[in-house]
Amino acid sequence: MTPVKDYTVHIDDKKRITLRGASYQYYNVKEYDNGCIVLEPRELTVPDCISVKTLDDMDKAIRNFKMGEVSPSVDLSDF
């Protein structure tokens, strides 16, 4: 593969680099022992539905609430 861009960057005082003309806003970073860094673009999306595991956990929480199996109330009067 031939590179589309080839340029040198430096790390600033806060250990950051700047990508010029980046196509994506989010990247997954993999850093290897030999110093190589691989950036894979990520697009954050809203999930289409709630997972089955989450729905099961919600059902369990409501069952426990109806049976009175709840934690003690939290005193928020200090706030």
N, C-alpha and C. Protein backbone atom coordinates (compact mmCIF):
# COMPACT_ATOMS: atom_id res chain seq x y z
N MET A 1 0.84 -1.18 0.00
CA MET A 1 0.00 0.00 0.00
C MET A 1 0.88 1.24 0.00
N THR A 2 0.48 2.23 -0.73
CA THR A 2 1.21 3.49 -0.73
C THR A 2 0.47 4.48 0.17
N PRO A 3 1.20 5.29 0.92
CA PRO A 3 0.54 6.24 1.83
C PRO A 3 -0.14 7.37 1.06
N VAL A 4 -1.28 7.82 1.60
CA VAL A 4 -2.00 8.95 1.02
C VAL A 4 -1.36 10.24 1.49
N LYS A 5 -0.91 10.28 2.75
CA LYS A 5 -0.23 11.43 3.32
C LYS A 5 1.03 10.94 4.02
N ASP A 6 2.05 11.78 4.01
CA ASP A 6 3.29 11.44 4.70
C ASP A 6 3.87 12.73 5.26
N TYR A 7 3.79 12.90 6.58
CA TYR A 7 4.33 14.10 7.21
C TYR A 7 4.80 13.79 8.61
N THR A 8 5.60 14.68 9.17
CA THR A 8 6.17 14.50 10.50
C THR A 8 5.38 15.33 11.51
N VAL A 9 5.12 14.75 12.67
CA VAL A 9 4.43 15.47 13.74
C VAL A 9 5.30 15.41 14.99
N HIS A 10 5.00 16.27 15.94
CA HIS A 10 5.69 16.22 17.23
C HIS A 10 4.65 16.16 18.34
N ILE A 11 5.06 15.64 19.45
CA ILE A 11 4.18 15.54 20.62
C ILE A 11 4.30 16.84 21.41
N ASP A 12 3.16 17.45 21.77
CA ASP A 12 3.20 18.69 22.53
C ASP A 12 3.39 18.41 24.02
N ASP A 13 3.32 19.45 24.84
CA ASP A 13 3.57 19.32 26.28
C ASP A 13 2.57 18.38 26.97
N LYS A 14 1.38 18.25 26.40
CA LYS A 14 0.36 17.38 26.99
C LYS A 14 0.31 16.01 26.31
N LYS A 15 1.39 15.64 25.62
CA LYS A 15 1.52 14.33 24.95
C LYS A 15 0.46 14.13 23.87
N ARG A 16 0.18 15.19 23.07
CA ARG A 16 -0.81 15.12 22.01
C ARG A 16 -0.14 15.34 20.66
N ILE A 17 -0.77 14.80 19.62
CA ILE A 17 -0.35 15.09 18.26
C ILE A 17 -1.55 15.64 17.50
N THR A 18 -1.30 16.34 16.41
CA THR A 18 -2.37 16.89 15.60
C THR A 18 -2.37 16.20 14.25
N LEU A 19 -3.53 15.69 13.84
CA LEU A 19 -3.67 15.07 12.52
C LEU A 19 -4.17 16.13 11.55
N ARG A 20 -3.44 16.37 10.51
CA ARG A 20 -3.82 17.38 9.53
C ARG A 20 -4.88 16.82 8.58
N GLY A 21 -5.95 17.54 8.43
CA GLY A 21 -7.00 17.14 7.50
C GLY A 21 -7.60 15.79 7.81
N ALA A 22 -7.79 15.48 9.09
CA ALA A 22 -8.33 14.18 9.48
C ALA A 22 -9.74 14.00 8.92
N SER A 23 -10.02 12.82 8.42
CA SER A 23 -11.31 12.53 7.82
C SER A 23 -12.38 12.20 8.85
N TYR A 24 -11.95 11.76 10.03
CA TYR A 24 -12.89 11.35 11.07
C TYR A 24 -12.61 12.13 12.35
N GLN A 25 -13.63 12.21 13.22
CA GLN A 25 -13.47 12.91 14.49
C GLN A 25 -12.91 11.99 15.58
N TYR A 26 -13.21 10.69 15.50
CA TYR A 26 -12.78 9.75 16.52
C TYR A 26 -11.94 8.64 15.90
N TYR A 27 -10.89 8.24 16.63
CA TYR A 27 -10.02 7.17 16.19
C TYR A 27 -9.74 6.22 17.35
N ASN A 28 -9.64 4.93 17.04
CA ASN A 28 -9.18 3.96 18.01
C ASN A 28 -7.66 3.88 17.87
N VAL A 29 -6.93 3.94 18.97
CA VAL A 29 -5.47 3.98 18.94
C VAL A 29 -4.92 2.67 19.47
N LYS A 30 -3.98 2.08 18.72
CA LYS A 30 -3.25 0.90 19.19
C LYS A 30 -1.77 1.26 19.16
N GLU A 31 -1.13 1.19 20.32
CA GLU A 31 0.29 1.50 20.42
C GLU A 31 1.05 0.21 20.72
N TYR A 32 2.09 -0.05 19.95
CA TYR A 32 2.85 -1.29 20.08
C TYR A 32 4.19 -1.04 20.77
N ASP A 33 4.80 -2.13 21.28
CA ASP A 33 6.08 -2.04 22.00
C ASP A 33 7.19 -1.44 21.14
N ASN A 34 7.14 -1.64 19.83
CA ASN A 34 8.20 -1.15 18.96
C ASN A 34 8.03 0.33 18.58
N GLY A 35 7.02 1.00 19.13
CA GLY A 35 6.81 2.42 18.87
C GLY A 35 5.78 2.72 17.79
N CYS A 36 5.30 1.70 17.10
CA CYS A 36 4.30 1.91 16.05
C CYS A 36 2.95 2.26 16.69
N ILE A 37 2.27 3.20 16.06
CA ILE A 37 0.93 3.59 16.50
C ILE A 37 -0.01 3.43 15.32
N VAL A 38 -1.11 2.71 15.52
CA VAL A 38 -2.09 2.48 14.47
C VAL A 38 -3.38 3.19 14.87
N LEU A 39 -3.89 4.03 13.97
CA LEU A 39 -5.15 4.73 14.20
C LEU A 39 -6.21 4.13 13.29
N GLU A 40 -7.33 3.71 13.87
CA GLU A 40 -8.44 3.19 13.08
C GLU A 40 -9.62 4.13 13.28
N PRO A 41 -10.21 4.62 12.20
CA PRO A 41 -11.33 5.56 12.34
C PRO A 41 -12.54 4.90 12.99
N ARG A 42 -13.23 5.66 13.80
CA ARG A 42 -14.45 5.21 14.47
C ARG A 42 -15.55 6.24 14.22
N GLU A 43 -16.74 5.74 13.94
CA GLU A 43 -17.90 6.60 13.82
C GLU A 43 -18.86 6.23 14.93
N LEU A 44 -19.15 7.17 15.82
CA LEU A 44 -20.06 6.92 16.92
C LEU A 44 -21.49 7.02 16.41
N THR A 45 -22.28 6.00 16.69
CA THR A 45 -23.67 5.99 16.24
C THR A 45 -24.58 5.67 17.40
N VAL A 46 -25.82 6.07 17.25
CA VAL A 46 -26.83 5.75 18.25
C VAL A 46 -27.28 4.32 18.00
N PRO A 47 -27.32 3.47 19.02
CA PRO A 47 -27.73 2.08 18.80
C PRO A 47 -29.18 2.02 18.32
N ASP A 48 -29.47 1.02 17.50
CA ASP A 48 -30.82 0.86 16.96
C ASP A 48 -31.81 0.40 18.03
N CYS A 49 -31.31 -0.36 19.01
CA CYS A 49 -32.21 -0.89 20.02
C CYS A 49 -31.43 -1.12 21.32
N ILE A 50 -32.17 -1.40 22.37
CA ILE A 50 -31.56 -1.72 23.66
C ILE A 50 -31.24 -3.21 23.66
N SER A 51 -30.06 -3.58 24.14
CA SER A 51 -29.65 -4.99 24.12
C SER A 51 -30.53 -5.85 25.02
N VAL A 52 -30.57 -7.13 24.70
CA VAL A 52 -31.36 -8.09 25.48
C VAL A 52 -30.87 -8.14 26.92
N LYS A 53 -29.57 -8.09 27.12
CA LYS A 53 -29.00 -8.13 28.48
C LYS A 53 -29.46 -6.92 29.30
N THR A 54 -29.47 -5.75 28.67
CA THR A 54 -29.92 -4.55 29.37
C THR A 54 -31.39 -4.65 29.73
N LEU A 55 -32.20 -5.13 28.81
CA LEU A 55 -33.63 -5.29 29.10
C LEU A 55 -33.86 -6.29 30.23
N ASP A 56 -33.09 -7.38 30.24
CA ASP A 56 -33.19 -8.36 31.33
C ASP A 56 -32.82 -7.74 32.67
N ASP A 57 -31.77 -6.93 32.69
CA ASP A 57 -31.35 -6.26 33.92
C ASP A 57 -32.42 -5.28 34.41
N MET A 58 -33.06 -4.58 33.47
CA MET A 58 -34.13 -3.65 33.85
C MET A 58 -35.32 -4.41 34.43
N ASP A 59 -35.68 -5.54 33.81
CA ASP A 59 -36.79 -6.35 34.33
C ASP A 59 -36.48 -6.87 35.73
N LYS A 60 -35.24 -7.29 35.95
CA LYS A 60 -34.83 -7.79 37.26
C LYS A 60 -34.90 -6.67 38.31
N ALA A 61 -34.48 -5.47 37.94
CA ALA A 61 -34.52 -4.34 38.87
C ALA A 61 -35.96 -4.00 39.27
N ILE A 62 -36.86 -4.02 38.32
CA ILE A 62 -38.27 -3.72 38.61
C ILE A 62 -38.87 -4.82 39.49
N ARG A 63 -38.56 -6.09 39.20
CA ARG A 63 -39.04 -7.20 40.04
C ARG A 63 -38.57 -7.03 41.48
N ASN A 64 -37.27 -6.71 41.65
CA ASN A 64 -36.73 -6.50 42.99
C ASN A 64 -37.40 -5.33 43.68
N PHE A 65 -37.66 -4.26 42.95
CA PHE A 65 -38.32 -3.09 43.53
C PHE A 65 -39.72 -3.43 44.01
N LYS A 66 -40.47 -4.18 43.20
CA LYS A 66 -41.84 -4.55 43.58
C LYS A 66 -41.86 -5.49 44.77
N MET A 67 -40.81 -6.32 44.93
CA MET A 67 -40.73 -7.23 46.07
C MET A 67 -40.14 -6.55 47.30
N GLY A 68 -39.73 -5.30 47.17
CA GLY A 68 -39.18 -4.56 48.30
C GLY A 68 -37.70 -4.78 48.52
N GLU A 69 -37.04 -5.44 47.60
CA GLU A 69 -35.60 -5.67 47.72
C GLU A 69 -34.85 -4.47 47.13
N VAL A 70 -34.74 -3.44 47.93
CA VAL A 70 -34.09 -2.21 47.47
C VAL A 70 -33.02 -1.79 48.48
N SER A 71 -32.09 -0.99 48.03
CA SER A 71 -31.07 -0.48 48.94
C SER A 71 -31.66 0.62 49.81
N PRO A 72 -31.02 0.94 50.94
CA PRO A 72 -31.55 2.01 51.78
C PRO A 72 -31.49 3.34 51.05
N SER A 73 -32.43 4.23 51.41
CA SER A 73 -32.49 5.53 50.74
C SER A 73 -31.24 6.34 51.06
N VAL A 74 -30.90 7.22 50.12
CA VAL A 74 -29.71 8.07 50.25
C VAL A 74 -30.15 9.44 50.73
N ASP A 75 -29.48 9.95 51.77
CA ASP A 75 -29.79 11.27 52.31
C ASP A 75 -29.08 12.34 51.48
N LEU A 76 -29.87 13.10 50.74
CA LEU A 76 -29.32 14.16 49.89
C LEU A 76 -29.51 15.55 50.48
N SER A 77 -29.87 15.63 51.75
CA SER A 77 -30.16 16.93 52.35
C SER A 77 -28.93 17.84 52.41
N ASP A 78 -27.72 17.26 52.41
CA ASP A 78 -26.51 18.10 52.44
C ASP A 78 -26.31 18.86 51.14
N PHE A 79 -26.97 18.42 50.09
CA PHE A 79 -26.78 19.05 48.78
C PHE A 79 -27.82 20.10 48.56
